[in-house]
């Protein structure tokens, strides 16, 4: 992955984390944490969808995949945090 691909990946994850924070309404952990979770969620979402043999639809598809992964990750982190 070149530097441009890495920057696009980080930007996509940041948008996805922001969206996940909005979707979870109170389940987020602040803007910076949600962005980090979005980046990790992008990896998780991409891995899960590759396992299901689904393709992304460009940058918008990547944001959707990352947002789904980030929402799932926020959900599980929130459950672990609550005990």
PDB file of N, CA and C in Angstrom:
ATOM      1  N   UNK A   1       0.860  -1.176   0.000  1.00  0.00           N
ATOM      2  CA  UNK A   1       0.000   0.000   0.000  1.00  0.00           C
ATOM      3  C   UNK A   1       0.903   1.234   0.000  1.00  0.00           C
ATOM      4  N   UNK A   2       0.642   2.119  -0.933  1.00  0.00           N
ATOM      5  CA  UNK A   2       1.419   3.350  -1.001  1.00  0.00           C
ATOM      6  C   UNK A   2       0.837   4.389  -0.042  1.00  0.00           C
ATOM      7  N   UNK A   3       1.474   5.541   0.046  1.00  0.00           N
ATOM      8  CA  UNK A   3       1.061   6.581   0.991  1.00  0.00           C
ATOM      9  C   UNK A   3      -0.330   7.126   0.656  1.00  0.00           C
ATOM     10  N   UNK A   4      -0.654   7.222  -0.615  1.00  0.00           N
ATOM     11  CA  UNK A   4      -1.986   7.703  -1.006  1.00  0.00           C
ATOM     12  C   UNK A   4      -3.064   6.728  -0.559  1.00  0.00           C
ATOM     13  N   UNK A   5      -2.840   5.456  -0.770  1.00  0.00           N
ATOM     14  CA  UNK A   5      -3.789   4.436  -0.331  1.00  0.00           C
ATOM     15  C   UNK A   5      -3.964   4.447   1.181  1.00  0.00           C
ATOM     16  N   UNK A   6      -2.871   4.648   1.901  1.00  0.00           N
ATOM     17  CA  UNK A   6      -2.930   4.712   3.356  1.00  0.00           C
ATOM     18  C   UNK A   6      -3.738   5.919   3.823  1.00  0.00           C
ATOM     19  N   UNK A   7      -3.526   7.064   3.192  1.00  0.00           N
ATOM     20  CA  UNK A   7      -4.283   8.273   3.558  1.00  0.00           C
ATOM     21  C   UNK A   7      -5.772   8.116   3.250  1.00  0.00           C
ATOM     22  N   UNK A   8      -6.092   7.492   2.136  1.00  0.00           N
ATOM     23  CA  UNK A   8      -7.496   7.243   1.794  1.00  0.00           C
ATOM     24  C   UNK A   8      -8.108   6.278   2.801  1.00  0.00           C
ATOM     25  N   UNK A   9      -7.363   5.263   3.194  1.00  0.00           N
ATOM     26  CA  UNK A   9      -7.831   4.298   4.186  1.00  0.00           C
ATOM     27  C   UNK A   9      -8.116   4.990   5.520  1.00  0.00           C
ATOM     28  N   UNK A  10      -7.225   5.861   5.959  1.00  0.00           N
ATOM     29  CA  UNK A  10      -7.407   6.585   7.218  1.00  0.00           C
ATOM     30  C   UNK A  10      -8.591   7.533   7.123  1.00  0.00           C
ATOM     31  N   UNK A  11      -8.717   8.241   6.011  1.00  0.00           N
ATOM     32  CA  UNK A  11      -9.839   9.174   5.837  1.00  0.00           C
ATOM     33  C   UNK A  11     -11.165   8.422   5.802  1.00  0.00           C
ATOM     34  N   UNK A  12     -11.199   7.306   5.118  1.00  0.00           N
ATOM     35  CA  UNK A  12     -12.420   6.489   5.068  1.00  0.00           C
ATOM     36  C   UNK A  12     -12.784   5.999   6.464  1.00  0.00           C
ATOM     37  N   UNK A  13     -11.805   5.522   7.196  1.00  0.00           N
ATOM     38  CA  UNK A  13     -12.041   5.072   8.566  1.00  0.00           C
ATOM     39  C   UNK A  13     -12.505   6.190   9.474  1.00  0.00           C
ATOM     40  N   UNK A  14     -11.956   7.386   9.269  1.00  0.00           N
ATOM     41  CA  UNK A  14     -12.368   8.531  10.077  1.00  0.00           C
ATOM     42  C   UNK A  14     -13.832   8.882   9.837  1.00  0.00           C
ATOM     43  N   UNK A  15     -14.241   8.913   8.589  1.00  0.00           N
ATOM     44  CA  UNK A  15     -15.652   9.190   8.264  1.00  0.00           C
ATOM     45  C   UNK A  15     -16.540   8.079   8.820  1.00  0.00           C
ATOM     46  N   UNK A  16     -16.101   6.839   8.674  1.00  0.00           N
ATOM     47  CA  UNK A  16     -16.883   5.704   9.176  1.00  0.00           C
ATOM     48  C   UNK A  16     -17.019   5.763  10.695  1.00  0.00           C
ATOM     49  N   UNK A  17     -15.959   6.121  11.387  1.00  0.00           N
ATOM     50  CA  UNK A  17     -16.012   6.244  12.842  1.00  0.00           C
ATOM     51  C   UNK A  17     -16.943   7.342  13.291  1.00  0.00           C
ATOM     52  N   UNK A  18     -16.918   8.444  12.571  1.00  0.00           N
ATOM     53  CA  UNK A  18     -17.828   9.550  12.865  1.00  0.00           C
ATOM     54  C   UNK A  18     -19.274   9.105  12.664  1.00  0.00           C
ATOM     55  N   UNK A  19     -19.545   8.431  11.545  1.00  0.00           N
ATOM     56  CA  UNK A  19     -20.889   7.924  11.279  1.00  0.00           C
ATOM     57  C   UNK A  19     -21.317   6.900  12.333  1.00  0.00           C
ATOM     58  N   UNK A  20     -20.406   6.029  12.722  1.00  0.00           N
ATOM     59  CA  UNK A  20     -20.725   5.016  13.732  1.00  0.00           C
ATOM     60  C   UNK A  20     -21.071   5.674  15.063  1.00  0.00           C
ATOM     61  N   UNK A  21     -20.358   6.734  15.417  1.00  0.00           N
ATOM     62  CA  UNK A  21     -20.668   7.458  16.644  1.00  0.00           C
ATOM     63  C   UNK A  21     -22.063   8.068  16.609  1.00  0.00           C
ATOM     64  N   UNK A  22     -22.456   8.572  15.458  1.00  0.00           N
ATOM     65  CA  UNK A  22     -23.798   9.140  15.299  1.00  0.00           C
ATOM     66  C   UNK A  22     -24.849   8.034  15.360  1.00  0.00           C
ATOM     67  N   UNK A  23     -24.587   6.923  14.674  1.00  0.00           N
ATOM     68  CA  UNK A  23     -25.540   5.818  14.637  1.00  0.00           C
ATOM     69  C   UNK A  23     -25.741   5.225  16.029  1.00  0.00           C
ATOM     70  N   UNK A  24     -24.670   5.082  16.796  1.00  0.00           N
ATOM     71  CA  UNK A  24     -24.757   4.458  18.111  1.00  0.00           C
ATOM     72  C   UNK A  24     -25.380   5.386  19.157  1.00  0.00           C
ATOM     73  N   UNK A  25     -25.438   6.684  18.925  1.00  0.00           N
ATOM     74  CA  UNK A  25     -26.065   7.654  19.830  1.00  0.00           C
ATOM     75  C   UNK A  25     -25.786   7.363  21.294  1.00  0.00           C
ATOM     76  N   UNK A  26     -24.677   7.840  21.761  1.00  0.00           N
ATOM     77  CA  UNK A  26     -24.326   7.633  23.158  1.00  0.00           C
ATOM     78  C   UNK A  26     -23.433   6.430  23.368  1.00  0.00           C
ATOM     79  N   UNK A  27     -23.291   5.625  22.350  1.00  0.00           N
ATOM     80  CA  UNK A  27     -22.429   4.457  22.466  1.00  0.00           C
ATOM     81  C   UNK A  27     -21.008   4.761  22.075  1.00  0.00           C
ATOM     82  N   UNK A  28     -20.777   5.976  21.632  1.00  0.00           N
ATOM     83  CA  UNK A  28     -19.447   6.351  21.199  1.00  0.00           C
ATOM     84  C   UNK A  28     -18.560   6.731  22.368  1.00  0.00           C
ATOM     85  N   UNK A  29     -17.317   6.993  22.065  1.00  0.00           N
ATOM     86  CA  UNK A  29     -16.333   7.295  23.096  1.00  0.00           C
ATOM     87  C   UNK A  29     -15.625   8.614  22.830  1.00  0.00           C
ATOM     88  N   UNK A  30     -16.249   9.492  22.083  1.00  0.00           N
ATOM     89  CA  UNK A  30     -15.616  10.752  21.723  1.00  0.00           C
ATOM     90  C   UNK A  30     -15.115  10.698  20.295  1.00  0.00           C
ATOM     91  N   UNK A  31     -14.902  11.854  19.719  1.00  0.00           N
ATOM     92  CA  UNK A  31     -14.562  11.952  18.304  1.00  0.00           C
ATOM     93  C   UNK A  31     -13.294  11.181  17.938  1.00  0.00           C
ATOM     94  N   UNK A  32     -12.206  11.405  18.654  1.00  0.00           N
ATOM     95  CA  UNK A  32     -10.943  10.754  18.292  1.00  0.00           C
ATOM     96  C   UNK A  32     -11.009   9.244  18.473  1.00  0.00           C
ATOM     97  N   UNK A  33     -11.636   8.803  19.546  1.00  0.00           N
ATOM     98  CA  UNK A  33     -11.789   7.358  19.757  1.00  0.00           C
ATOM     99  C   UNK A  33     -12.680   6.746  18.692  1.00  0.00           C
ATOM    100  N   UNK A  34     -13.749   7.435  18.329  1.00  0.00           N
ATOM    101  CA  UNK A  34     -14.632   6.923  17.280  1.00  0.00           C
ATOM    102  C   UNK A  34     -13.910   6.845  15.944  1.00  0.00           C
ATOM    103  N   UNK A  35     -13.058   7.808  15.656  1.00  0.00           N
ATOM    104  CA  UNK A  35     -12.275   7.768  14.417  1.00  0.00           C
ATOM    105  C   UNK A  35     -11.345   6.562  14.430  1.00  0.00           C
ATOM    106  N   UNK A  36     -10.671   6.330  15.551  1.00  0.00           N
ATOM    107  CA  UNK A  36      -9.786   5.170  15.661  1.00  0.00           C
ATOM    108  C   UNK A  36     -10.585   3.878  15.520  1.00  0.00           C
ATOM    109  N   UNK A  37     -11.744   3.819  16.160  1.00  0.00           N
ATOM    110  CA  UNK A  37     -12.601   2.637  16.043  1.00  0.00           C
ATOM    111  C   UNK A  37     -13.096   2.489  14.599  1.00  0.00           C
ATOM    112  N   UNK A  38     -13.331   3.612  13.917  1.00  0.00           N
ATOM    113  CA  UNK A  38     -13.726   3.552  12.510  1.00  0.00           C
ATOM    114  C   UNK A  38     -12.649   2.956  11.629  1.00  0.00           C
ATOM    115  N   UNK A  39     -11.410   3.318  11.906  1.00  0.00           N
ATOM    116  CA  UNK A  39     -10.293   2.765  11.132  1.00  0.00           C
ATOM    117  C   UNK A  39     -10.186   1.266  11.391  1.00  0.00           C
ATOM    118  N   UNK A  40     -10.261   0.875  12.656  1.00  0.00           N
ATOM    119  CA  UNK A  40     -10.220  -0.548  12.991  1.00  0.00           C
ATOM    120  C   UNK A  40     -11.455  -1.248  12.432  1.00  0.00           C
ATOM    121  N   UNK A  41     -12.613  -0.579  12.514  1.00  0.00           N
ATOM    122  CA  UNK A  41     -13.846  -1.135  11.964  1.00  0.00           C
ATOM    123  C   UNK A  41     -13.756  -1.345  10.465  1.00  0.00           C
ATOM    124  N   UNK A  42     -13.026  -0.479   9.789  1.00  0.00           N
ATOM    125  CA  UNK A  42     -12.812  -0.663   8.352  1.00  0.00           C
ATOM    126  C   UNK A  42     -12.072  -1.950   8.058  1.00  0.00           C
ATOM    127  N   UNK A  43     -11.093  -2.248   8.883  1.00  0.00           N
ATOM    128  CA  UNK A  43     -10.351  -3.498   8.722  1.00  0.00           C
ATOM    129  C   UNK A  43     -11.262  -4.681   9.020  1.00  0.00           C
ATOM    130  N   UNK A  44     -12.006  -4.592  10.146  1.00  0.00           N
ATOM    131  CA  UNK A  44     -12.918  -5.669  10.539  1.00  0.00           C
ATOM    132  C   UNK A  44     -14.002  -5.869   9.479  1.00  0.00           C
ATOM    133  N   UNK A  45     -14.646  -4.769   9.055  1.00  0.00           N
ATOM    134  CA  UNK A  45     -15.707  -4.855   8.048  1.00  0.00           C
ATOM    135  C   UNK A  45     -15.201  -5.409   6.731  1.00  0.00           C
ATOM    136  N   UNK A  46     -14.034  -4.962   6.308  1.00  0.00           N
ATOM    137  CA  UNK A  46     -13.448  -5.467   5.073  1.00  0.00           C
ATOM    138  C   UNK A  46     -13.135  -6.949   5.158  1.00  0.00           C
ATOM    139  N   UNK A  47     -12.613  -7.377   6.300  1.00  0.00           N
ATOM    140  CA  UNK A  47     -12.304  -8.795   6.500  1.00  0.00           C
ATOM    141  C   UNK A  47     -13.576  -9.633   6.465  1.00  0.00           C
ATOM    142  N   UNK A  48     -14.598  -9.182   7.188  1.00  0.00           N
ATOM    143  CA  UNK A  48     -15.852  -9.944   7.237  1.00  0.00           C
ATOM    144  C   UNK A  48     -16.519 -10.024   5.875  1.00  0.00           C
ATOM    145  N   UNK A  49     -16.544  -8.925   5.142  1.00  0.00           N
ATOM    146  CA  UNK A  49     -17.196  -8.937   3.838  1.00  0.00           C
ATOM    147  C   UNK A  49     -16.384  -9.702   2.795  1.00  0.00           C
ATOM    148  N   UNK A  50     -15.062  -9.716   2.939  1.00  0.00           N
ATOM    149  CA  UNK A  50     -14.254 -10.541   2.045  1.00  0.00           C
ATOM    150  C   UNK A  50     -14.536 -12.015   2.293  1.00  0.00           C
ATOM    151  N   UNK A  51     -14.764 -12.356   3.567  1.00  0.00           N
ATOM    152  CA  UNK A  51     -15.095 -13.747   3.893  1.00  0.00           C
ATOM    153  C   UNK A  51     -16.420 -14.138   3.256  1.00  0.00           C
ATOM    154  N   UNK A  52     -17.328 -13.174   3.127  1.00  0.00           N
ATOM    155  CA  UNK A  52     -18.629 -13.438   2.513  1.00  0.00           C
ATOM    156  C   UNK A  52     -18.597 -13.233   1.001  1.00  0.00           C
ATOM    157  N   UNK A  53     -17.406 -12.934   0.461  1.00  0.00           N
ATOM    158  CA  UNK A  53     -17.188 -12.749  -0.976  1.00  0.00           C
ATOM    159  C   UNK A  53     -18.023 -11.610  -1.549  1.00  0.00           C
ATOM    160  N   UNK A  54     -18.182 -10.539  -0.785  1.00  0.00           N
ATOM    161  CA  UNK A  54     -18.891  -9.362  -1.289  1.00  0.00           C
ATOM    162  C   UNK A  54     -17.850  -8.315  -1.686  1.00  0.00           C
ATOM    163  N   UNK A  55     -18.136  -7.601  -2.730  1.00  0.00           N
ATOM    164  CA  UNK A  55     -17.222  -6.571  -3.209  1.00  0.00           C
ATOM    165  C   UNK A  55     -17.716  -5.204  -2.764  1.00  0.00           C
ATOM    166  N   UNK A  56     -16.780  -4.288  -2.540  1.00  0.00           N
ATOM    167  CA  UNK A  56     -17.168  -2.921  -2.194  1.00  0.00           C
ATOM    168  C   UNK A  56     -17.400  -2.131  -3.476  1.00  0.00           C
ATOM    169  N   UNK A  57     -18.178  -1.083  -3.366  1.00  0.00           N
ATOM    170  CA  UNK A  57     -18.502  -0.260  -4.522  1.00  0.00           C
ATOM    171  C   UNK A  57     -17.752   1.059  -4.511  1.00  0.00           C
ATOM    172  N   UNK A  58     -16.444   1.026  -4.578  1.00  0.00           N
ATOM    173  CA  UNK A  58     -15.654   2.242  -4.594  1.00  0.00           C
ATOM    174  C   UNK A  58     -15.549   2.868  -3.215  1.00  0.00           C
ATOM    175  N   UNK A  59     -15.333   4.179  -3.185  1.00  0.00           N
ATOM    176  CA  UNK A  59     -15.109   4.888  -1.921  1.00  0.00           C
ATOM    177  C   UNK A  59     -16.365   4.885  -1.054  1.00  0.00           C
ATOM    178  N   UNK A  60     -17.536   5.064  -1.657  1.00  0.00           N
ATOM    179  CA  UNK A  60     -18.778   5.042  -0.888  1.00  0.00           C
ATOM    180  C   UNK A  60     -19.020   3.661  -0.294  1.00  0.00           C
ATOM    181  N   UNK A  61     -18.782   2.638  -1.065  1.00  0.00           N
ATOM    182  CA  UNK A  61     -18.909   1.270  -0.557  1.00  0.00           C
ATOM    183  C   UNK A  61     -17.930   1.003   0.564  1.00  0.00           C
ATOM    184  N   UNK A  62     -16.721   1.539   0.443  1.00  0.00           N
ATOM    185  CA  UNK A  62     -15.714   1.378   1.496  1.00  0.00           C
ATOM    186  C   UNK A  62     -16.149   2.058   2.785  1.00  0.00           C
ATOM    187  N   UNK A  63     -16.756   3.234   2.663  1.00  0.00           N
ATOM    188  CA  UNK A  63     -17.243   3.954   3.846  1.00  0.00           C
ATOM    189  C   UNK A  63     -18.358   3.166   4.511  1.00  0.00           C
ATOM    190  N   UNK A  64     -19.264   2.610   3.710  1.00  0.00           N
ATOM    191  CA  UNK A  64     -20.361   1.811   4.260  1.00  0.00           C
ATOM    192  C   UNK A  64     -19.815   0.576   4.967  1.00  0.00           C
ATOM    193  N   UNK A  65     -18.888  -0.117   4.344  1.00  0.00           N
ATOM    194  CA  UNK A  65     -18.281  -1.308   4.946  1.00  0.00           C
ATOM    195  C   UNK A  65     -17.581  -0.940   6.248  1.00  0.00           C
ATOM    196  N   UNK A  66     -16.807   0.140   6.234  1.00  0.00           N
ATOM    197  CA  UNK A  66     -16.099   0.567   7.436  1.00  0.00           C
ATOM    198  C   UNK A  66     -17.071   1.000   8.521  1.00  0.00           C
ATOM    199  N   UNK A  67     -18.151   1.678   8.148  1.00  0.00           N
ATOM    200  CA  UNK A  67     -19.146   2.114   9.130  1.00  0.00           C
ATOM    201  C   UNK A  67     -19.832   0.914   9.778  1.00  0.00           C
ATOM    202  N   UNK A  68     -20.163  -0.087   8.985  1.00  0.00           N
ATOM    203  CA  UNK A  68     -20.777  -1.299   9.537  1.00  0.00           C
ATOM    204  C   UNK A  68     -19.807  -1.976  10.507  1.00  0.00           C
ATOM    205  N   UNK A  69     -18.565  -2.089  10.123  1.00  0.00           N
ATOM    206  CA  UNK A  69     -17.560  -2.672  11.014  1.00  0.00           C
ATOM    207  C   UNK A  69     -17.366  -1.843  12.271  1.00  0.00           C
ATOM    208  N   UNK A  70     -17.384  -0.520  12.134  1.00  0.00           N
ATOM    209  CA  UNK A  70     -17.202   0.357  13.289  1.00  0.00           C
ATOM    210  C   UNK A  70     -18.395   0.289  14.233  1.00  0.00           C
ATOM    211  N   UNK A  71     -19.600   0.231  13.684  1.00  0.00           N
ATOM    212  CA  UNK A  71     -20.796   0.106  14.528  1.00  0.00           C
ATOM    213  C   UNK A  71     -20.733  -1.207  15.297  1.00  0.00           C
ATOM    214  N   UNK A  72     -20.382  -2.288  14.618  1.00  0.00           N
ATOM    215  CA  UNK A  72     -20.272  -3.584  15.292  1.00  0.00           C
ATOM    216  C   UNK A  72     -19.204  -3.531  16.385  1.00  0.00           C
ATOM    217  N   UNK A  73     -18.083  -2.916  16.080  1.00  0.00           N
ATOM    218  CA  UNK A  73     -17.002  -2.806  17.055  1.00  0.00           C
ATOM    219  C   UNK A  73     -17.416  -1.937  18.237  1.00  0.00           C
ATOM    220  N   UNK A  74     -18.063  -0.804  17.986  1.00  0.00           N
ATOM    221  CA  UNK A  74     -18.554   0.049  19.069  1.00  0.00           C
ATOM    222  C   UNK A  74     -19.565  -0.695  19.937  1.00  0.00           C
ATOM    223  N   UNK A  75     -20.432  -1.469  19.310  1.00  0.00           N
ATOM    224  CA  UNK A  75     -21.420  -2.242  20.047  1.00  0.00           C
ATOM    225  C   UNK A  75     -20.735  -3.214  21.013  1.00  0.00           C
ATOM    226  N   UNK A  76     -19.753  -3.964  20.513  1.00  0.00           N
ATOM    227  CA  UNK A  76     -19.070  -4.933  21.359  1.00  0.00           C
ATOM    228  C   UNK A  76     -18.223  -4.264  22.428  1.00  0.00           C
ATOM    229  N   UNK A  77     -17.542  -3.182  22.093  1.00  0.00           N
ATOM    230  CA  UNK A  77     -16.738  -2.463  23.079  1.00  0.00           C
ATOM    231  C   UNK A  77     -17.628  -1.898  24.172  1.00  0.00           C
ATOM    232  N   UNK A  78     -18.798  -1.381  23.805  1.00  0.00           N
ATOM    233  CA  UNK A  78     -19.735  -0.845  24.790  1.00  0.00           C
ATOM    234  C   UNK A  78     -20.214  -1.950  25.724  1.00  0.00           C
ATOM    235  N   UNK A  79     -20.499  -3.116  25.185  1.00  0.00           N
ATOM    236  CA  UNK A  79     -20.964  -4.234  26.014  1.00  0.00           C
ATOM    237  C   UNK A  79     -19.872  -4.692  26.979  1.00  0.00           C
ATOM    238  N   UNK A  80     -18.641  -4.734  26.514  1.00  0.00           N
ATOM    239  CA  UNK A  80     -17.522  -5.124  27.374  1.00  0.00           C
ATOM    240  C   UNK A  80     -17.293  -4.061  28.452  1.00  0.00           C
ATOM    241  N   UNK A  81     -17.396  -2.798  28.068  1.00  0.00           N
ATOM    242  CA  UNK A  81     -17.189  -1.694  28.996  1.00  0.00           C
ATOM    243  C   UNK A  81     -18.220  -1.714  30.124  1.00  0.00           C
ATOM    244  N   UNK A  82     -19.471  -2.059  29.805  1.00  0.00           N
ATOM    245  CA  UNK A  82     -20.536  -2.103  30.812  1.00  0.00           C
ATOM    246  C   UNK A  82     -20.401  -3.321  31.738  1.00  0.00           C
ATOM    247  N   UNK A  83     -19.609  -4.253  31.354  1.00  0.00           N
ATOM    248  CA  UNK A  83     -19.348  -5.367  32.255  1.00  0.00           C
ATOM    249  C   UNK A  83     -19.996  -6.613  31.856  1.00  0.00           C
TER     250      UNK A  83
END
